[in-house]
Amino acid sequence: MKLFENITLARPFIKWVGGKTQLLDEVRKSLPRDFASRQHLTYVEPFVGGGAVMFWILQEYPNIERAVINDINQELICTYRVIKENVEELITELIHIQNEYIPLSTEDRKAYFMEKRARFNTKATSPVVTAALFIFLNRTCFNGLYRVNSKGEFNVPHGKYVNPRICDADNLRACSEVLQKVEILCGDFAETGRYAGPDTLFYFDPPYKPITETSSFTSYAKEGFNDAEQIRLRDFCDQISKDKALFVASNSDPKEVNPKEDFFDSIYKHFIIKRVSAARMINSDASGRGAISELMISNVVNA
């Protein structure tokens, strides 16, 4: 069966830079061979982002009894919680926004977008309205990016989509159903360490290390994610490995641009590193879109 072939399956409800829908087969290959038959499993995703791996793995492997997701992006996590706890009110709000936005002219759409962006940046809206604005901006901004400035304000300009699907009610309901067994956290990735154990699988999809001056995907939160943070994540992988947890991690491949760049090969040298092909779906420069090499790093020795 093709991944996400069945429309009844929950799919990511937003576009997200570095989304992993295209790499699900590679994630599958990185899991233990007996993963589907193991019992009492816990799945932890400390950088959930758009949730492509989380939605897939929880539907593909019903033997996972418990899941924990986390992200430092407060508005993103607010949206996950609203979808889990209050999806019908969210759908009502999104339908209202969609019915207002779609009939507008191009210029009026831009003005509407800017007004909603300003309201979103006040950070003074209810959880349901925050979630609705988050999804609306994601569906109508330039290239579906999420980027903030140094003040933590969303600053992506308006995109010119002819007929954006602002409210996908069926998928939101499917996502809500999947999220019922998910604990949703908002904070630093290291806070998920308390879930490490022999029956736990972590999947890490951190902000990627930029491989060119224009490829930084780290501005989804004002704090950023530099090399020191990448090393702190490696140390976290060391710690959960000592606790007998399994992990799979994705990241950019700096060797794609500079064959002598061995940052990840060096810091993860005691783990398994594979290079896989991925399509870069979001890039402001069309010439930067296409197949690239990415890293899959893990401590699963029998994958």
C-alpha atoms as a PDB file:
ATOM      1  CA  MET A   1       0.000   0.000   0.000  1.00  0.00           C
ATOM      2  CA  LYS A   2       1.297   3.452  -0.834  1.00  0.00           C
ATOM      3  CA  LEU A   3       1.837   5.714   2.144  1.00  0.00           C
ATOM      4  CA  PHE A   4      -1.103   8.087   2.683  1.00  0.00           C
ATOM      5  CA  GLU A   5      -2.953   6.388  -0.223  1.00  0.00           C
ATOM      6  CA  ASN A   6      -6.136   5.983   1.800  1.00  0.00           C
ATOM      7  CA  ILE A   7      -7.837   9.347   2.245  1.00  0.00           C
ATOM      8  CA  THR A   8      -9.243   8.236   5.602  1.00  0.00           C
ATOM      9  CA  LEU A   9      -5.723   8.357   7.035  1.00  0.00           C
ATOM     10  CA  ALA A  10      -4.699  11.449   8.970  1.00  0.00           C
ATOM     11  CA  ARG A  11      -2.151  13.560   7.104  1.00  0.00           C
ATOM     12  CA  PRO A  12      -0.195  16.649   8.193  1.00  0.00           C
ATOM     13  CA  PHE A  13      -2.621  19.550   8.497  1.00  0.00           C
ATOM     14  CA  ILE A  14      -0.010  22.174   7.603  1.00  0.00           C
ATOM     15  CA  LYS A  15       2.888  22.608   5.221  1.00  0.00           C
ATOM     16  CA  TRP A  16       6.215  22.532   7.049  1.00  0.00           C
ATOM     17  CA  VAL A  17       9.763  23.120   5.914  1.00  0.00           C
ATOM     18  CA  GLY A  18      11.573  19.789   5.896  1.00  0.00           C
ATOM     19  CA  GLY A  19       8.338  17.791   6.167  1.00  0.00           C
ATOM     20  CA  LYS A  20       9.076  14.072   6.092  1.00  0.00           C
ATOM     21  CA  THR A  21       6.212  12.585   4.066  1.00  0.00           C
ATOM     22  CA  GLN A  22       8.689  11.836   1.267  1.00  0.00           C
ATOM     23  CA  LEU A  23      11.077  10.018   3.641  1.00  0.00           C
ATOM     24  CA  LEU A  24       8.653   7.692   5.399  1.00  0.00           C
ATOM     25  CA  ASP A  25      10.013   4.634   3.593  1.00  0.00           C
ATOM     26  CA  GLU A  26      13.517   5.536   4.781  1.00  0.00           C
ATOM     27  CA  VAL A  27      12.245   5.947   8.343  1.00  0.00           C
ATOM     28  CA  ARG A  28      10.609   2.532   8.065  1.00  0.00           C
ATOM     29  CA  LYS A  29      13.895   0.983   6.910  1.00  0.00           C
ATOM     30  CA  SER A  30      15.621   2.485   9.960  1.00  0.00           C
ATOM     31  CA  LEU A  31      13.275   0.800  12.442  1.00  0.00           C
ATOM     32  CA  PRO A  32      14.063  -2.553  14.081  1.00  0.00           C
ATOM     33  CA  ARG A  33      12.952  -5.488  11.949  1.00  0.00           C
ATOM     34  CA  ASP A  34      10.632  -6.697  14.702  1.00  0.00           C
ATOM     35  CA  PHE A  35       9.160  -3.273  15.437  1.00  0.00           C
ATOM     36  CA  ALA A  36       5.648  -4.227  14.309  1.00  0.00           C
ATOM     37  CA  SER A  37       5.530  -7.158  16.743  1.00  0.00           C
ATOM     38  CA  ARG A  38       6.868  -5.401  19.837  1.00  0.00           C
ATOM     39  CA  GLN A  39       4.417  -4.610  22.600  1.00  0.00           C
ATOM     40  CA  HIS A  40       3.910  -1.708  25.036  1.00  0.00           C
ATOM     41  CA  LEU A  41       5.821   0.732  22.838  1.00  0.00           C
ATOM     42  CA  THR A  42       6.127   4.469  23.425  1.00  0.00           C
ATOM     43  CA  TYR A  43       6.846   6.836  20.546  1.00  0.00           C
ATOM     44  CA  VAL A  44       8.433  10.243  21.244  1.00  0.00           C
ATOM     45  CA  GLU A  45       8.954  13.057  18.745  1.00  0.00           C
ATOM     46  CA  PRO A  46      10.702  16.056  20.358  1.00  0.00           C
ATOM     47  CA  PHE A  47      10.564  18.274  17.215  1.00  0.00           C
ATOM     48  CA  VAL A  48       7.133  17.393  15.844  1.00  0.00           C
ATOM     49  CA  GLY A  49       6.782  20.152  13.251  1.00  0.00           C
ATOM     50  CA  GLY A  50       4.176  19.155  10.682  1.00  0.00           C
ATOM     51  CA  GLY A  51       3.891  15.681  12.188  1.00  0.00           C
ATOM     52  CA  ALA A  52       4.270  13.596   9.003  1.00  0.00           C
ATOM     53  CA  VAL A  53       6.202  10.823  10.755  1.00  0.00           C
ATOM     54  CA  MET A  54       4.019  10.917  13.850  1.00  0.00           C
ATOM     55  CA  PHE A  55       0.716  10.629  11.952  1.00  0.00           C
ATOM     56  CA  TRP A  56       2.127   7.872   9.757  1.00  0.00           C
ATOM     57  CA  ILE A  57       3.776   5.772  12.464  1.00  0.00           C
ATOM     58  CA  LEU A  58       0.790   5.857  14.844  1.00  0.00           C
ATOM     59  CA  GLN A  59      -1.497   4.597  12.079  1.00  0.00           C
ATOM     60  CA  GLU A  60       1.004   2.152  10.595  1.00  0.00           C
ATOM     61  CA  TYR A  61       1.947   0.561  13.947  1.00  0.00           C
ATOM     62  CA  PRO A  62      -1.096   0.140  16.231  1.00  0.00           C
ATOM     63  CA  ASN A  63       1.157  -1.674  18.712  1.00  0.00           C
ATOM     64  CA  ILE A  64       2.428   1.762  19.797  1.00  0.00           C
ATOM     65  CA  GLU A  65       0.421   2.265  22.967  1.00  0.00           C
ATOM     66  CA  ARG A  66       1.594   5.730  23.915  1.00  0.00           C
ATOM     67  CA  ALA A  67       2.963   8.752  22.077  1.00  0.00           C
ATOM     68  CA  VAL A  68       4.522  12.040  23.141  1.00  0.00           C
ATOM     69  CA  ILE A  69       5.093  15.005  20.859  1.00  0.00           C
ATOM     70  CA  ASN A  70       6.873  18.254  21.604  1.00  0.00           C
ATOM     71  CA  ASP A  71       7.907  21.450  19.894  1.00  0.00           C
ATOM     72  CA  ILE A  72       9.223  24.795  21.075  1.00  0.00           C
ATOM     73  CA  ASN A  73       6.821  26.655  18.772  1.00  0.00           C
ATOM     74  CA  GLN A  74       3.970  27.672  21.076  1.00  0.00           C
ATOM     75  CA  GLU A  75       1.461  28.469  18.321  1.00  0.00           C
ATOM     76  CA  LEU A  76       2.112  25.153  16.607  1.00  0.00           C
ATOM     77  CA  ILE A  77       1.580  23.246  19.846  1.00  0.00           C
ATOM     78  CA  CYS A  78      -1.539  25.290  20.581  1.00  0.00           C
ATOM     79  CA  THR A  79      -2.872  24.141  17.203  1.00  0.00           C
ATOM     80  CA  TYR A  80      -2.160  20.474  17.952  1.00  0.00           C
ATOM     81  CA  ARG A  81      -3.967  20.786  21.277  1.00  0.00           C
ATOM     82  CA  VAL A  82      -6.981  22.480  19.733  1.00  0.00           C
ATOM     83  CA  ILE A  83      -7.208  19.798  17.051  1.00  0.00           C
ATOM     84  CA  LYS A  84      -7.076  17.139  19.758  1.00  0.00           C
ATOM     85  CA  GLU A  85      -9.519  18.753  22.163  1.00  0.00           C
ATOM     86  CA  ASN A  86     -11.753  21.111  20.193  1.00  0.00           C
ATOM     87  CA  VAL A  87     -11.649  20.215  16.515  1.00  0.00           C
ATOM     88  CA  GLU A  88     -15.273  21.096  15.679  1.00  0.00           C
ATOM     89  CA  GLU A  89     -14.940  24.690  16.899  1.00  0.00           C
ATOM     90  CA  LEU A  90     -11.706  24.968  14.915  1.00  0.00           C
ATOM     91  CA  ILE A  91     -13.440  23.717  11.762  1.00  0.00           C
ATOM     92  CA  THR A  92     -16.238  26.263  12.250  1.00  0.00           C
ATOM     93  CA  GLU A  93     -13.701  29.090  12.576  1.00  0.00           C
ATOM     94  CA  LEU A  94     -11.733  27.949   9.531  1.00  0.00           C
ATOM     95  CA  ILE A  95     -14.852  27.686   7.386  1.00  0.00           C
ATOM     96  CA  HIS A  96     -15.722  31.256   8.383  1.00  0.00           C
ATOM     97  CA  ILE A  97     -12.258  32.488   7.384  1.00  0.00           C
ATOM     98  CA  GLN A  98     -12.322  30.491   4.160  1.00  0.00           C
ATOM     99  CA  ASN A  99     -15.713  31.896   3.169  1.00  0.00           C
ATOM    100  CA  GLU A 100     -14.453  35.438   3.779  1.00  0.00           C
ATOM    101  CA  TYR A 101     -11.114  35.021   2.002  1.00  0.00           C
ATOM    102  CA  ILE A 102     -11.806  32.988  -1.151  1.00  0.00           C
ATOM    103  CA  PRO A 103     -14.208  35.447  -2.890  1.00  0.00           C
ATOM    104  CA  LEU A 104     -11.818  38.406  -2.477  1.00  0.00           C
ATOM    105  CA  SER A 105      -9.742  39.995  -5.222  1.00  0.00           C
ATOM    106  CA  THR A 106      -5.968  39.533  -5.174  1.00  0.00           C
ATOM    107  CA  GLU A 107      -5.358  42.884  -3.505  1.00  0.00           C
ATOM    108  CA  ASP A 108      -8.147  42.411  -0.994  1.00  0.00           C
ATOM    109  CA  ARG A 109      -6.816  38.946  -0.181  1.00  0.00           C
ATOM    110  CA  LYS A 110      -3.422  40.469   0.586  1.00  0.00           C
ATOM    111  CA  ALA A 111      -4.994  43.078   2.874  1.00  0.00           C
ATOM    112  CA  TYR A 112      -7.050  40.380   4.608  1.00  0.00           C
ATOM    113  CA  PHE A 113      -3.915  38.250   5.064  1.00  0.00           C
ATOM    114  CA  MET A 114      -1.958  41.164   6.556  1.00  0.00           C
ATOM    115  CA  GLU A 115      -4.788  41.941   8.976  1.00  0.00           C
ATOM    116  CA  LYS A 116      -4.922  38.318  10.125  1.00  0.00           C
ATOM    117  CA  ARG A 117      -1.129  38.171  10.407  1.00  0.00           C
ATOM    118  CA  ALA A 118      -1.134  41.261  12.639  1.00  0.00           C
ATOM    119  CA  ARG A 119      -3.856  39.757  14.792  1.00  0.00           C
ATOM    120  CA  PHE A 120      -1.948  36.480  15.055  1.00  0.00           C
ATOM    121  CA  ASN A 121       1.172  38.361  16.180  1.00  0.00           C
ATOM    122  CA  THR A 122      -0.665  40.021  19.069  1.00  0.00           C
ATOM    123  CA  LYS A 123      -0.585  36.595  20.774  1.00  0.00           C
ATOM    124  CA  ALA A 124      -3.778  37.690  22.521  1.00  0.00           C
ATOM    125  CA  THR A 125      -6.332  35.458  20.785  1.00  0.00           C
ATOM    126  CA  SER A 126      -8.139  32.425  22.191  1.00  0.00           C
ATOM    127  CA  PRO A 127      -6.616  28.980  21.538  1.00  0.00           C
ATOM    128  CA  VAL A 128      -9.214  28.178  18.836  1.00  0.00           C
ATOM    129  CA  VAL A 129      -8.671  31.490  17.041  1.00  0.00           C
ATOM    130  CA  THR A 130      -4.890  31.136  17.363  1.00  0.00           C
ATOM    131  CA  ALA A 131      -5.071  27.680  15.784  1.00  0.00           C
ATOM    132  CA  ALA A 132      -7.353  28.898  12.994  1.00  0.00           C
ATOM    133  CA  LEU A 133      -5.078  31.837  12.219  1.00  0.00           C
ATOM    134  CA  PHE A 134      -2.041  29.552  12.309  1.00  0.00           C
ATOM    135  CA  ILE A 135      -3.558  27.209   9.716  1.00  0.00           C
ATOM    136  CA  PHE A 136      -4.913  30.077   7.582  1.00  0.00           C
ATOM    137  CA  LEU A 137      -1.541  31.841   7.457  1.00  0.00           C
ATOM    138  CA  ASN A 138       0.224  28.569   6.684  1.00  0.00           C
ATOM    139  CA  ARG A 139      -2.158  27.852   3.803  1.00  0.00           C
ATOM    140  CA  THR A 140      -1.999  31.335   2.287  1.00  0.00           C
ATOM    141  CA  CYS A 141       1.518  32.648   2.978  1.00  0.00           C
ATOM    142  CA  PHE A 142       4.440  32.518   0.566  1.00  0.00           C
ATOM    143  CA  ASN A 143       5.540  28.890  -0.008  1.00  0.00           C
ATOM    144  CA  GLY A 144       3.850  27.697   3.201  1.00  0.00           C
ATOM    145  CA  LEU A 145       6.828  28.857   5.239  1.00  0.00           C
ATOM    146  CA  TYR A 146       6.852  29.465   8.976  1.00  0.00           C
ATOM    147  CA  ARG A 147       9.410  32.097   9.867  1.00  0.00           C
ATOM    148  CA  VAL A 148       9.655  34.565  12.708  1.00  0.00           C
ATOM    149  CA  ASN A 149      11.777  37.640  13.338  1.00  0.00           C
ATOM    150  CA  SER A 150      13.906  38.387  16.391  1.00  0.00           C
ATOM    151  CA  LYS A 151      10.773  39.473  18.274  1.00  0.00           C
ATOM    152  CA  GLY A 152       9.109  36.138  17.587  1.00  0.00           C
ATOM    153  CA  GLU A 153       6.636  37.677  15.125  1.00  0.00           C
ATOM    154  CA  PHE A 154       5.487  35.720  12.094  1.00  0.00           C
ATOM    155  CA  ASN A 155       6.729  37.704   9.091  1.00  0.00           C
ATOM    156  CA  VAL A 156       6.184  35.593   5.961  1.00  0.00           C
ATOM    157  CA  PRO A 157       4.513  37.584   3.149  1.00  0.00           C
ATOM    158  CA  HIS A 158       1.262  36.733   1.406  1.00  0.00           C
ATOM    159  CA  GLY A 159       1.282  33.973  -1.212  1.00  0.00           C
ATOM    160  CA  LYS A 160      -0.758  34.092  -4.392  1.00  0.00           C
ATOM    161  CA  TYR A 161      -2.572  30.751  -4.397  1.00  0.00           C
ATOM    162  CA  VAL A 162      -5.679  30.719  -6.588  1.00  0.00           C
ATOM    163  CA  ASN A 163      -7.777  28.357  -4.478  1.00  0.00           C
ATOM    164  CA  PRO A 164      -6.043  27.417  -1.215  1.00  0.00           C
ATOM    165  CA  ARG A 165      -7.727  24.742   0.902  1.00  0.00           C
ATOM    166  CA  ILE A 166      -7.968  26.556   4.206  1.00  0.00           C
ATOM    167  CA  CYS A 167     -10.331  24.096   5.909  1.00  0.00           C
ATOM    168  CA  ASP A 168      -9.847  20.375   5.318  1.00  0.00           C
ATOM    169  CA  ALA A 169     -12.466  19.228   7.797  1.00  0.00           C
ATOM    170  CA  ASP A 170     -12.175  15.496   7.112  1.00  0.00           C
ATOM    171  CA  ASN A 171      -8.426  15.501   7.670  1.00  0.00           C
ATOM    172  CA  LEU A 172      -8.675  17.648  10.801  1.00  0.00           C
ATOM    173  CA  ARG A 173     -11.127  15.152  12.283  1.00  0.00           C
ATOM    174  CA  ALA A 174      -8.833  12.262  11.343  1.00  0.00           C
ATOM    175  CA  CYS A 175      -5.901  14.080  12.961  1.00  0.00           C
ATOM    176  CA  SER A 176      -7.969  14.657  16.095  1.00  0.00           C
ATOM    177  CA  GLU A 177      -8.697  10.944  16.338  1.00  0.00           C
ATOM    178  CA  VAL A 178      -5.007  10.029  16.096  1.00  0.00           C
ATOM    179  CA  LEU A 179      -4.065  12.667  18.674  1.00  0.00           C
ATOM    180  CA  GLN A 180      -6.359  11.222  21.334  1.00  0.00           C
ATOM    181  CA  LYS A 181      -3.566   8.937  22.555  1.00  0.00           C
ATOM    182  CA  VAL A 182      -0.845  11.581  22.240  1.00  0.00           C
ATOM    183  CA  GLU A 183       0.583  13.646  25.079  1.00  0.00           C
ATOM    184  CA  ILE A 184       1.384  17.118  23.732  1.00  0.00           C
ATOM    185  CA  LEU A 185       4.257  19.115  25.234  1.00  0.00           C
ATOM    186  CA  CYS A 186       5.727  22.543  24.496  1.00  0.00           C
ATOM    187  CA  GLY A 187       9.310  23.190  25.475  1.00  0.00           C
ATOM    188  CA  ASP A 188      12.929  22.226  25.029  1.00  0.00           C
ATOM    189  CA  PHE A 189      13.559  18.867  23.380  1.00  0.00           C
ATOM    190  CA  ALA A 190      15.620  17.670  26.353  1.00  0.00           C
ATOM    191  CA  GLU A 191      12.490  17.646  28.527  1.00  0.00           C
ATOM    192  CA  THR A 192      11.371  14.512  26.686  1.00  0.00           C
ATOM    193  CA  GLY A 193      14.292  12.549  28.146  1.00  0.00           C
ATOM    194  CA  ARG A 194      12.127  11.333  31.008  1.00  0.00           C
ATOM    195  CA  TYR A 195      10.309   9.036  28.572  1.00  0.00           C
ATOM    196  CA  ALA A 196      13.469   7.165  27.556  1.00  0.00           C
ATOM    197  CA  GLY A 197      13.498   3.440  28.208  1.00  0.00           C
ATOM    198  CA  PRO A 198      13.878   0.022  26.546  1.00  0.00           C
ATOM    199  CA  ASP A 199      10.423   0.207  24.937  1.00  0.00           C
ATOM    200  CA  THR A 200      10.733   3.774  23.610  1.00  0.00           C
ATOM    201  CA  LEU A 201      11.478   4.987  20.101  1.00  0.00           C
ATOM    202  CA  PHE A 202      12.512   8.607  19.553  1.00  0.00           C
ATOM    203  CA  TYR A 203      12.355  10.264  16.159  1.00  0.00           C
ATOM    204  CA  PHE A 204      14.288  13.534  15.837  1.00  0.00           C
ATOM    205  CA  ASP A 205      13.647  16.018  13.047  1.00  0.00           C
ATOM    206  CA  PRO A 206      15.422  19.115  14.389  1.00  0.00           C
ATOM    207  CA  PRO A 207      15.951  22.360  12.499  1.00  0.00           C
ATOM    208  CA  TYR A 208      18.493  21.334   9.888  1.00  0.00           C
ATOM    209  CA  LYS A 209      22.043  22.600   9.845  1.00  0.00           C
ATOM    210  CA  PRO A 210      22.186  25.088   6.939  1.00  0.00           C
ATOM    211  CA  ILE A 211      24.358  23.848   4.077  1.00  0.00           C
ATOM    212  CA  THR A 212      24.363  27.142   2.160  1.00  0.00           C
ATOM    213  CA  GLU A 213      23.967  30.788   3.137  1.00  0.00           C
ATOM    214  CA  THR A 214      20.387  30.802   1.826  1.00  0.00           C
ATOM    215  CA  SER A 215      19.205  27.428   3.132  1.00  0.00           C
ATOM    216  CA  SER A 216      18.681  28.153   6.810  1.00  0.00           C
ATOM    217  CA  PHE A 217      15.568  26.389   8.108  1.00  0.00           C
ATOM    218  CA  THR A 218      16.261  27.373  11.729  1.00  0.00           C
ATOM    219  CA  SER A 219      14.116  30.498  12.057  1.00  0.00           C
ATOM    220  CA  TYR A 220      10.849  28.765  12.970  1.00  0.00           C
ATOM    221  CA  ALA A 221      11.578  29.928  16.531  1.00  0.00           C
ATOM    222  CA  LYS A 222      13.369  33.090  17.560  1.00  0.00           C
ATOM    223  CA  GLU A 223      15.895  31.130  19.635  1.00  0.00           C
ATOM    224  CA  GLY A 224      17.431  29.473  16.553  1.00  0.00           C
ATOM    225  CA  PHE A 225      19.275  26.146  16.433  1.00  0.00           C
ATOM    226  CA  ASN A 226      23.019  26.485  15.898  1.00  0.00           C
ATOM    227  CA  ASP A 227      25.917  24.017  15.958  1.00  0.00           C
ATOM    228  CA  ALA A 228      26.034  24.091  19.754  1.00  0.00           C
ATOM    229  CA  GLU A 229      22.388  22.991  19.807  1.00  0.00           C
ATOM    230  CA  GLN A 230      23.165  20.219  17.289  1.00  0.00           C
ATOM    231  CA  ILE A 231      25.893  18.967  19.632  1.00  0.00           C
ATOM    232  CA  ARG A 232      23.518  19.192  22.601  1.00  0.00           C
ATOM    233  CA  LEU A 233      21.104  17.024  20.637  1.00  0.00           C
ATOM    234  CA  ARG A 234      23.905  14.507  20.015  1.00  0.00           C
ATOM    235  CA  ASP A 235      24.572  14.438  23.756  1.00  0.00           C
ATOM    236  CA  PHE A 236      20.866  13.804  24.310  1.00  0.00           C
ATOM    237  CA  CYS A 237      21.027  10.884  21.875  1.00  0.00           C
ATOM    238  CA  ASP A 238      23.954   9.513  23.878  1.00  0.00           C
ATOM    239  CA  GLN A 239      21.931   9.783  27.086  1.00  0.00           C
ATOM    240  CA  ILE A 240      18.769   8.093  25.832  1.00  0.00           C
ATOM    241  CA  SER A 241      20.903   5.353  24.276  1.00  0.00           C
ATOM    242  CA  LYS A 242      22.325   4.663  27.730  1.00  0.00           C
ATOM    243  CA  ASP A 243      18.715   4.360  28.887  1.00  0.00           C
ATOM    244  CA  LYS A 244      18.262   1.692  26.161  1.00  0.00           C
ATOM    245  CA  ALA A 245      15.885   3.795  24.067  1.00  0.00           C
ATOM    246  CA  LEU A 246      16.042   3.577  20.288  1.00  0.00           C
ATOM    247  CA  PHE A 247      16.286   6.651  18.091  1.00  0.00           C
ATOM    248  CA  VAL A 248      16.218   7.706  14.463  1.00  0.00           C
ATOM    249  CA  ALA A 249      17.240  11.245  13.490  1.00  0.00           C
ATOM    250  CA  SER A 250      17.159  13.213  10.256  1.00  0.00           C
ATOM    251  CA  ASN A 251      19.362  16.132   9.265  1.00  0.00           C
ATOM    252  CA  SER A 252      20.948  17.895   6.334  1.00  0.00           C
ATOM    253  CA  ASP A 253      24.064  16.525   4.664  1.00  0.00           C
ATOM    254  CA  PRO A 254      26.736  19.260   4.594  1.00  0.00           C
ATOM    255  CA  LYS A 255      28.840  17.065   2.321  1.00  0.00           C
ATOM    256  CA  GLU A 256      26.297  17.833  -0.387  1.00  0.00           C
ATOM    257  CA  VAL A 257      27.985  21.230  -0.763  1.00  0.00           C
ATOM    258  CA  ASN A 258      31.411  20.643   0.763  1.00  0.00           C
ATOM    259  CA  PRO A 259      32.820  17.084   0.580  1.00  0.00           C
ATOM    260  CA  LYS A 260      35.267  17.973   3.364  1.00  0.00           C
ATOM    261  CA  GLU A 261      32.515  19.012   5.781  1.00  0.00           C
ATOM    262  CA  ASP A 262      32.290  16.201   8.334  1.00  0.00           C
ATOM    263  CA  PHE A 263      30.367  17.892  11.149  1.00  0.00           C
ATOM    264  CA  PHE A 264      27.724  15.189  11.512  1.00  0.00           C
ATOM    265  CA  ASP A 265      30.028  12.345  10.477  1.00  0.00           C
ATOM    266  CA  SER A 266      32.273  13.404  13.332  1.00  0.00           C
ATOM    267  CA  ILE A 267      29.812  14.050  16.146  1.00  0.00           C
ATOM    268  CA  TYR A 268      27.687  10.968  15.335  1.00  0.00           C
ATOM    269  CA  LYS A 269      30.581   8.683  14.415  1.00  0.00           C
ATOM    270  CA  HIS A 270      29.605   6.129  17.069  1.00  0.00           C
ATOM    271  CA  PHE A 271      26.098   5.772  15.573  1.00  0.00           C
ATOM    272  CA  ILE A 272      24.818   4.499  12.227  1.00  0.00           C
ATOM    273  CA  ILE A 273      24.751   7.157   9.493  1.00  0.00           C
ATOM    274  CA  LYS A 274      22.985   6.662   6.159  1.00  0.00           C
ATOM    275  CA  ARG A 275      22.700   9.084   3.270  1.00  0.00           C
ATOM    276  CA  VAL A 276      19.325   9.114   1.545  1.00  0.00           C
ATOM    277  CA  SER A 277      17.818  11.075  -1.317  1.00  0.00           C
ATOM    278  CA  ALA A 278      15.117  13.624  -0.529  1.00  0.00           C
ATOM    279  CA  ALA A 279      13.220  16.226  -2.529  1.00  0.00           C
ATOM    280  CA  ARG A 280      13.511  19.788  -1.293  1.00  0.00           C
ATOM    281  CA  MET A 281       9.926  20.970  -1.620  1.00  0.00           C
ATOM    282  CA  ILE A 282      10.138  24.503  -0.220  1.00  0.00           C
ATOM    283  CA  ASN A 283      12.770  26.909  -1.436  1.00  0.00           C
ATOM    284  CA  SER A 284      12.451  30.545  -2.485  1.00  0.00           C
ATOM    285  CA  ASP A 285      14.829  29.836  -5.357  1.00  0.00           C
ATOM    286  CA  ALA A 286      13.369  27.363  -7.860  1.00  0.00           C
ATOM    287  CA  SER A 287      16.886  26.226  -8.774  1.00  0.00           C
ATOM    288  CA  GLY A 288      17.294  25.050  -5.181  1.00  0.00           C
ATOM    289  CA  ARG A 289      14.408  22.594  -5.448  1.00  0.00           C
ATOM    290  CA  GLY A 290      15.047  18.985  -6.345  1.00  0.00           C
ATOM    291  CA  ALA A 291      16.711  15.834  -5.059  1.00  0.00           C
ATOM    292  CA  ILE A 292      19.316  16.329  -2.359  1.00  0.00           C
ATOM    293  CA  SER A 293      21.158  14.121   0.107  1.00  0.00           C
ATOM    294  CA  GLU A 294      19.971  13.984   3.714  1.00  0.00           C
ATOM    295  CA  LEU A 295      21.207  12.042   6.712  1.00  0.00           C
ATOM    296  CA  MET A 296      19.422   9.343   8.664  1.00  0.00           C
ATOM    297  CA  ILE A 297      21.224   8.709  11.949  1.00  0.00           C
ATOM    298  CA  SER A 298      20.272   5.989  14.369  1.00  0.00           C
ATOM    299  CA  ASN A 299      21.324   3.572  17.094  1.00  0.00           C
ATOM    300  CA  VAL A 300      19.248   0.723  15.607  1.00  0.00           C
ATOM    301  CA  VAL A 301      21.857  -1.893  14.781  1.00  0.00           C
ATOM    302  CA  ASN A 302      19.603  -4.476  13.128  1.00  0.00           C
ATOM    303  CA  ALA A 303      17.692  -2.187  10.748  1.00  0.00           C
END
